[in-house]
Amino acid sequence: METKMPKRKLGKSNLEVSAIGLGCMGMSFGYTPLPDKQEMIKLIHSAVDQGVTFFDTAEVYGPFTNEELVGPALKQVREKVVIATKFGFNIQNGKQSGVNSKPEHIKEVAEASLKRLKIDAIDLFYQHRVDPRVPIEDVAGAVKDLIKEGKVKHFGLSEAGANTIRKAHAVQPVAALQSEYSLWTRTPEKEIIPTLEELGIGFVPFSPLGKGFLTGKMNENTKFDIGDFRNILPRFTPEALKANQALIDLLAKIAVKKNATPAQIALAWLLAQKPWIVPIPGTTKLNRLTENNGSAAIQLTADDLRAIEDSASKIQVYGARYPEYLEKTTGL
């Protein structure tokens, strides 16, 4: 039974997707213990039943295993869904090793991703991280070639700066930018969102729930599994978790009023920012999937948004997003 989920267009690209997408990375990468593959296939099918049509993966998740999970799981509904994947890293001996957006590499990655995903065309192909050694015009040109060949439908960028977005967009229109954005990572508001608005580019926030923090289920005593990448993130030290609790208290207060959860308010807040913003929360749990998707039905009034803004502006988020050595190179 399919649920009615509102749709949104990513900027002027005419790429229409569900208002909430599904980030699939955690199904095979980044968080441990890794879930059962069959359970994840069921979860992807449940997402489709709940009206999700936008699925996010990347060759580097695994590497490779996430695409091998997501593509085949969506085979039966291929015509109804939008599959986004990414290029831009070297992968050696099963590990990500530095950025690589050389045009010939991009084309090789596209071919390999098509095979793993078992599809004829990639709906949205993002550059995963900017490669400082390759002019962005060359990157855009390589994707433009793939679009001409019918192997890719739309071009995306991830974590790119305003200047890079402009240069790329001039060569091949950018359908969407994927960057971290949430109530505790608001950097895109200054320069990125106005640039996207001006150029008519959609915005796909990843980690819209702050890698789980904004669900309200963590405190300074939270312990992560040994292989969980949050162990190395400055914002997940006990001190930071404690200091940032004020943000959760704010979400919880609004949630009570709206008969919702803090996570739903965090996602509804993102949806209320612009009509072309489509968050992609990731999850491996069915109850969380249903909770996240429920946020699309929550209407925050101008008063609600003002109250959130007033309180959030007084809260100083503690801790960097990534350790400095990872800031430019991570694909998470």
Protein backbone atom coordinates (compact mmCIF):
# COMPACT_ATOMS: atom_id res chain seq x y z
CA MET A 1 0.00 0.00 0.00
CA GLU A 2 1.68 3.21 -1.14
CA THR A 3 1.42 6.27 1.06
CA LYS A 4 0.95 9.75 -0.29
CA MET A 5 4.16 11.64 0.26
CA PRO A 6 4.46 15.18 -1.12
CA LYS A 7 6.83 15.66 -4.06
CA ARG A 8 9.35 18.42 -4.63
CA LYS A 9 11.31 19.62 -7.65
CA LEU A 10 15.06 20.03 -7.31
CA GLY A 11 15.42 23.61 -8.50
CA LYS A 12 14.75 24.26 -12.19
CA SER A 13 15.98 20.81 -13.21
CA ASN A 14 12.48 19.32 -13.35
CA LEU A 15 13.84 16.39 -11.36
CA GLU A 16 10.89 15.52 -9.13
CA VAL A 17 11.45 13.49 -5.98
CA SER A 18 9.71 12.71 -2.70
CA ALA A 19 9.98 15.55 -0.14
CA ILE A 20 12.04 13.21 2.06
CA GLY A 21 14.64 10.95 0.46
CA LEU A 22 16.51 8.02 1.96
CA GLY A 23 20.25 8.09 2.59
CA CYS A 24 21.40 4.49 2.22
CA MET A 25 25.04 4.77 3.32
CA GLY A 26 24.56 3.38 6.83
CA MET A 27 23.07 0.17 5.43
CA SER A 28 26.54 -1.01 4.47
CA PHE A 29 29.10 1.52 5.69
CA GLY A 30 30.12 3.97 8.42
CA TYR A 31 28.09 2.75 11.37
CA THR A 32 28.63 -0.56 13.12
CA PRO A 33 27.50 -3.22 13.64
CA LEU A 34 26.40 -3.45 10.00
CA PRO A 35 22.80 -4.55 9.58
CA ASP A 36 21.59 -7.69 7.80
CA LYS A 37 21.41 -7.23 4.02
CA GLN A 38 18.00 -8.91 3.64
CA GLU A 39 16.60 -6.63 6.34
CA MET A 40 17.93 -3.63 4.44
CA ILE A 41 16.26 -4.78 1.22
CA LYS A 42 12.99 -4.98 3.17
CA LEU A 43 13.62 -1.49 4.54
CA ILE A 44 14.15 -0.09 1.03
CA HIS A 45 10.88 -1.74 -0.08
CA SER A 46 9.09 -0.22 2.94
CA ALA A 47 10.46 3.19 1.98
CA VAL A 48 8.94 2.78 -1.49
CA ASP A 49 5.62 1.75 0.09
CA GLN A 50 5.74 4.90 2.20
CA GLY A 51 6.13 7.07 -0.89
CA VAL A 52 9.91 7.61 -0.91
CA THR A 53 11.15 7.94 -4.49
CA PHE A 54 14.65 9.35 -3.88
CA PHE A 55 17.50 7.02 -2.88
CA ASP A 56 21.09 8.10 -2.21
CA THR A 57 24.17 5.90 -2.52
CA ALA A 58 27.83 6.18 -3.64
CA GLU A 59 30.56 3.89 -4.95
CA VAL A 60 32.68 4.69 -1.91
CA TYR A 61 30.06 3.38 0.56
CA GLY A 62 31.40 -0.06 1.29
CA PRO A 63 33.15 0.54 -1.10
CA PHE A 64 30.81 -0.79 -3.76
CA THR A 65 28.53 -2.87 -1.52
CA ASN A 66 25.98 -0.11 -1.01
CA GLU A 67 25.33 0.34 -4.73
CA GLU A 68 25.09 -3.46 -5.04
CA LEU A 69 22.39 -3.40 -2.36
CA VAL A 70 20.39 -0.36 -3.46
CA GLY A 71 20.15 -0.91 -7.23
CA PRO A 72 18.87 -4.50 -7.21
CA ALA A 73 16.50 -3.73 -4.27
CA LEU A 74 14.80 -1.08 -6.44
CA LYS A 75 14.72 -3.13 -9.65
CA GLN A 76 10.98 -3.82 -9.53
CA VAL A 77 10.12 -0.12 -9.15
CA ARG A 78 12.88 1.34 -11.30
CA GLU A 79 10.51 3.59 -13.27
CA LYS A 80 9.12 5.19 -10.12
CA VAL A 81 12.35 6.04 -8.32
CA VAL A 82 15.32 8.38 -8.61
CA ILE A 83 18.71 6.84 -7.81
CA ALA A 84 21.56 9.19 -6.97
CA THR A 85 25.17 8.02 -6.74
CA LYS A 86 28.57 9.72 -6.64
CA PHE A 87 32.05 9.76 -8.13
CA GLY A 88 35.24 11.49 -7.11
CA PHE A 89 37.45 9.22 -5.02
CA ASN A 90 40.26 6.79 -5.69
CA ILE A 91 39.50 3.40 -4.23
CA GLN A 92 42.47 1.13 -3.62
CA ASN A 93 42.52 -2.21 -1.80
CA GLY A 94 38.94 -1.72 -0.73
CA LYS A 95 39.60 1.70 0.81
CA GLN A 96 38.99 5.29 -0.20
CA SER A 97 42.32 6.97 -0.92
CA GLY A 98 42.09 10.62 -1.85
CA VAL A 99 39.98 12.50 -4.37
CA ASN A 100 40.03 11.86 -8.12
CA SER A 101 37.75 13.68 -10.54
CA LYS A 102 39.82 13.26 -13.70
CA PRO A 103 37.39 13.07 -16.63
CA GLU A 104 38.49 9.56 -17.66
CA HIS A 105 38.06 8.37 -14.06
CA ILE A 106 34.54 9.86 -13.88
CA LYS A 107 33.58 7.89 -17.00
CA GLU A 108 35.02 4.66 -15.60
CA VAL A 109 33.12 5.15 -12.35
CA ALA A 110 29.88 5.78 -14.25
CA GLU A 111 30.24 2.50 -16.14
CA ALA A 112 31.03 0.55 -12.96
CA SER A 113 28.16 2.16 -11.02
CA LEU A 114 25.67 1.38 -13.80
CA LYS A 115 26.68 -2.28 -13.61
CA ARG A 116 26.46 -2.50 -9.82
CA LEU A 117 23.15 -0.64 -9.70
CA LYS A 118 21.87 -2.74 -12.64
CA ILE A 119 20.39 0.32 -14.35
CA ASP A 120 20.70 1.92 -17.79
CA ALA A 121 21.13 5.50 -16.59
CA ILE A 122 22.12 7.20 -13.34
CA ASP A 123 19.37 9.68 -12.44
CA LEU A 124 21.64 12.02 -10.49
CA PHE A 125 25.44 11.77 -10.57
CA TYR A 126 27.20 13.87 -7.93
CA GLN A 127 30.83 14.81 -7.63
CA HIS A 128 31.34 13.52 -4.08
CA ARG A 129 34.04 16.01 -3.09
CA VAL A 130 35.74 18.75 -5.08
CA ASP A 131 39.10 17.72 -6.54
CA PRO A 132 41.40 20.77 -6.32
CA ARG A 133 43.64 19.37 -9.09
CA VAL A 134 40.93 19.12 -11.74
CA PRO A 135 39.21 22.28 -13.01
CA ILE A 136 35.51 22.02 -12.18
CA GLU A 137 34.74 22.93 -15.81
CA ASP A 138 36.43 19.66 -16.88
CA VAL A 139 34.39 17.72 -14.33
CA ALA A 140 31.16 19.31 -15.58
CA GLY A 141 32.26 18.61 -19.16
CA ALA A 142 32.80 14.91 -18.42
CA VAL A 143 29.33 14.62 -16.89
CA LYS A 144 27.88 16.57 -19.83
CA ASP A 145 29.35 13.90 -22.14
CA LEU A 146 27.76 11.14 -20.04
CA ILE A 147 24.41 12.96 -20.22
CA LYS A 148 24.73 13.19 -24.03
CA GLU A 149 25.42 9.46 -24.12
CA GLY A 150 22.29 8.81 -22.05
CA LYS A 151 24.25 7.22 -19.18
CA VAL A 152 23.48 10.02 -16.72
CA LYS A 153 20.37 12.20 -16.48
CA HIS A 154 21.36 14.97 -14.04
CA PHE A 155 24.57 16.44 -12.61
CA GLY A 156 25.11 17.17 -8.93
CA LEU A 157 27.84 18.52 -6.65
CA SER A 158 28.53 17.81 -3.00
CA GLU A 159 30.08 20.12 -0.39
CA ALA A 160 31.15 22.56 -3.13
CA GLY A 161 31.64 26.30 -2.58
CA ALA A 162 29.59 29.02 -4.31
CA ASN A 163 32.29 29.84 -6.85
CA THR A 164 32.73 26.17 -7.82
CA ILE A 165 28.95 25.78 -8.19
CA ARG A 166 28.78 28.78 -10.54
CA LYS A 167 31.64 27.58 -12.73
CA ALA A 168 30.24 24.05 -13.00
CA HIS A 169 26.70 25.29 -13.68
CA ALA A 170 27.93 27.41 -16.59
CA VAL A 171 29.20 24.26 -18.36
CA GLN A 172 26.47 21.76 -17.40
CA PRO A 173 23.42 22.83 -15.36
CA VAL A 174 23.68 21.50 -11.82
CA ALA A 175 20.42 19.90 -10.67
CA ALA A 176 21.31 19.61 -7.00
CA LEU A 177 23.93 20.33 -4.40
CA GLN A 178 24.30 17.85 -1.56
CA SER A 179 25.89 19.26 1.59
CA GLU A 180 25.48 18.88 5.31
CA TYR A 181 22.72 21.13 6.61
CA SER A 182 20.65 20.92 9.76
CA LEU A 183 19.85 22.94 12.84
CA TRP A 184 23.36 22.22 14.10
CA THR A 185 25.25 22.78 10.82
CA ARG A 186 23.97 26.02 9.34
CA THR A 187 27.00 27.08 7.31
CA PRO A 188 25.18 26.83 3.92
CA GLU A 189 22.82 29.67 4.86
CA LYS A 190 25.39 32.39 4.40
CA GLU A 191 26.49 31.90 0.80
CA ILE A 192 25.38 28.55 -0.57
CA ILE A 193 21.59 28.77 -0.27
CA PRO A 194 21.41 32.25 -1.89
CA THR A 195 23.61 30.96 -4.76
CA LEU A 196 21.38 27.92 -5.28
CA GLU A 197 18.28 30.10 -5.22
CA GLU A 198 19.74 32.47 -7.80
CA LEU A 199 20.79 29.67 -10.15
CA GLY A 200 17.72 27.47 -9.65
CA ILE A 201 19.57 24.50 -8.12
CA GLY A 202 17.99 22.09 -5.65
CA PHE A 203 19.50 21.43 -2.22
CA VAL A 204 19.80 17.95 -0.72
CA PRO A 205 20.92 18.15 2.93
CA PHE A 206 22.77 15.07 4.15
CA SER A 207 22.99 14.30 7.87
CA PRO A 208 19.79 16.37 8.35
CA LEU A 209 19.49 14.82 11.81
CA GLY A 210 23.09 15.61 12.75
CA LYS A 211 24.27 11.99 12.32
CA GLY A 212 21.61 10.93 14.81
CA PHE A 213 22.12 13.64 17.42
CA LEU A 214 18.95 15.59 16.59
CA THR A 215 16.75 12.55 17.27
CA GLY A 216 17.16 13.37 20.96
CA LYS A 217 18.27 9.83 21.75
CA MET A 218 21.83 10.68 22.80
CA ASN A 219 23.46 12.27 25.80
CA GLU A 220 26.99 12.56 27.20
CA ASN A 221 26.87 8.91 28.32
CA THR A 222 26.16 7.57 24.82
CA LYS A 223 28.74 5.02 23.71
CA PHE A 224 29.26 4.08 20.06
CA ASP A 225 30.31 0.70 18.72
CA ILE A 226 34.06 0.38 18.13
CA GLY A 227 33.81 0.68 14.31
CA ASP A 228 31.36 3.62 14.35
CA PHE A 229 32.88 6.66 12.63
CA ARG A 230 31.21 9.03 15.12
CA ASN A 231 33.92 8.00 17.59
CA ILE A 232 36.35 10.30 15.74
CA LEU A 233 34.01 13.28 15.34
CA PRO A 234 34.61 16.25 17.67
CA ARG A 235 30.87 16.82 18.10
CA PHE A 236 30.36 13.37 19.57
CA THR A 237 32.72 13.68 22.54
CA PRO A 238 30.85 13.52 25.87
CA GLU A 239 31.56 17.24 26.46
CA ALA A 240 30.10 18.23 23.08
CA LEU A 241 27.06 15.96 23.46
CA LYS A 242 26.36 17.58 26.81
CA ALA A 243 26.92 21.15 25.57
CA ASN A 244 24.70 20.66 22.51
CA GLN A 245 21.79 19.23 24.50
CA ALA A 246 20.21 22.71 24.50
CA LEU A 247 19.36 22.19 20.83
CA ILE A 248 17.51 18.97 21.65
CA ASP A 249 15.59 20.67 24.45
CA LEU A 250 14.42 23.27 21.96
CA LEU A 251 13.27 20.64 19.44
CA ALA A 252 11.57 18.62 22.19
CA LYS A 253 9.60 21.67 23.32
CA ILE A 254 8.22 22.32 19.82
CA ALA A 255 7.66 18.57 19.30
CA VAL A 256 5.31 18.37 22.29
CA LYS A 257 3.24 21.22 20.87
CA LYS A 258 3.01 19.55 17.45
CA ASN A 259 2.49 16.01 18.75
CA ALA A 260 5.70 15.02 16.96
CA THR A 261 9.23 13.89 17.79
CA PRO A 262 12.39 16.06 17.91
CA ALA A 263 13.63 14.33 14.72
CA GLN A 264 10.41 15.19 12.91
CA ILE A 265 10.68 18.84 13.94
CA ALA A 266 14.32 18.97 12.78
CA LEU A 267 13.29 17.62 9.34
CA ALA A 268 10.15 19.77 9.12
CA TRP A 269 12.35 22.80 9.87
CA LEU A 270 14.55 21.96 6.87
CA LEU A 271 11.52 21.46 4.60
CA ALA A 272 10.18 24.85 5.71
CA GLN A 273 13.37 26.70 4.70
CA LYS A 274 12.85 26.43 0.90
CA PRO A 275 10.45 24.49 -1.35
CA TRP A 276 13.43 23.00 -3.24
CA ILE A 277 15.15 21.48 -0.20
CA VAL A 278 14.95 17.68 0.05
CA PRO A 279 16.63 16.13 3.11
CA ILE A 280 17.91 12.54 2.92
CA PRO A 281 17.97 11.13 6.46
CA GLY A 282 19.61 7.73 6.64
CA THR A 283 18.35 4.89 8.79
CA THR A 284 18.51 1.12 9.16
CA LYS A 285 15.37 0.86 11.31
CA LEU A 286 11.78 0.67 10.10
CA ASN A 287 10.33 2.69 12.99
CA ARG A 288 12.84 5.49 12.29
CA LEU A 289 12.02 5.41 8.57
CA THR A 290 8.31 5.86 9.34
CA GLU A 291 9.09 8.59 11.87
CA ASN A 292 11.31 10.49 9.40
CA ASN A 293 8.77 10.24 6.60
CA GLY A 294 6.06 11.53 8.94
CA SER A 295 7.88 14.86 9.10
CA ALA A 296 6.64 15.70 5.59
CA ALA A 297 3.13 16.14 7.02
CA ILE A 298 4.17 18.57 9.77
CA GLN A 299 3.45 22.21 9.09
CA LEU A 300 5.55 24.67 11.03
CA THR A 301 3.92 28.09 11.18
CA ALA A 302 5.78 31.39 10.84
CA ASP A 303 5.52 31.68 14.65
CA ASP A 304 7.00 28.20 15.15
CA LEU A 305 9.88 29.03 12.81
CA ARG A 306 10.49 32.35 14.58
CA ALA A 307 10.52 30.60 17.97
CA ILE A 308 13.03 28.04 16.69
CA GLU A 309 15.17 30.79 15.16
CA ASP A 310 15.15 32.91 18.32
CA SER A 311 16.16 30.00 20.53
CA ALA A 312 18.61 28.44 18.06
CA SER A 313 20.43 31.75 17.58
CA LYS A 314 21.29 31.77 21.29
CA ILE A 315 22.68 28.23 21.24
CA GLN A 316 26.37 27.94 20.46
CA VAL A 317 27.03 24.56 18.81
CA TYR A 318 30.05 22.98 20.43
CA GLY A 319 32.65 20.98 18.50
CA ALA A 320 33.78 20.86 14.85
CA ARG A 321 31.91 18.81 12.26
CA TYR A 322 34.94 16.66 11.38
CA PRO A 323 38.48 16.42 12.71
CA GLU A 324 40.62 18.87 10.71
CA TYR A 325 42.50 16.16 8.79
CA LEU A 326 39.22 14.82 7.41
CA GLU A 327 37.38 18.06 6.68
CA LYS A 328 38.08 18.12 2.93
CA THR A 329 38.40 14.44 2.10
CA THR A 330 35.71 12.49 3.83
CA GLY A 331 32.86 10.99 1.86
CA LEU A 332 30.59 10.72 4.90
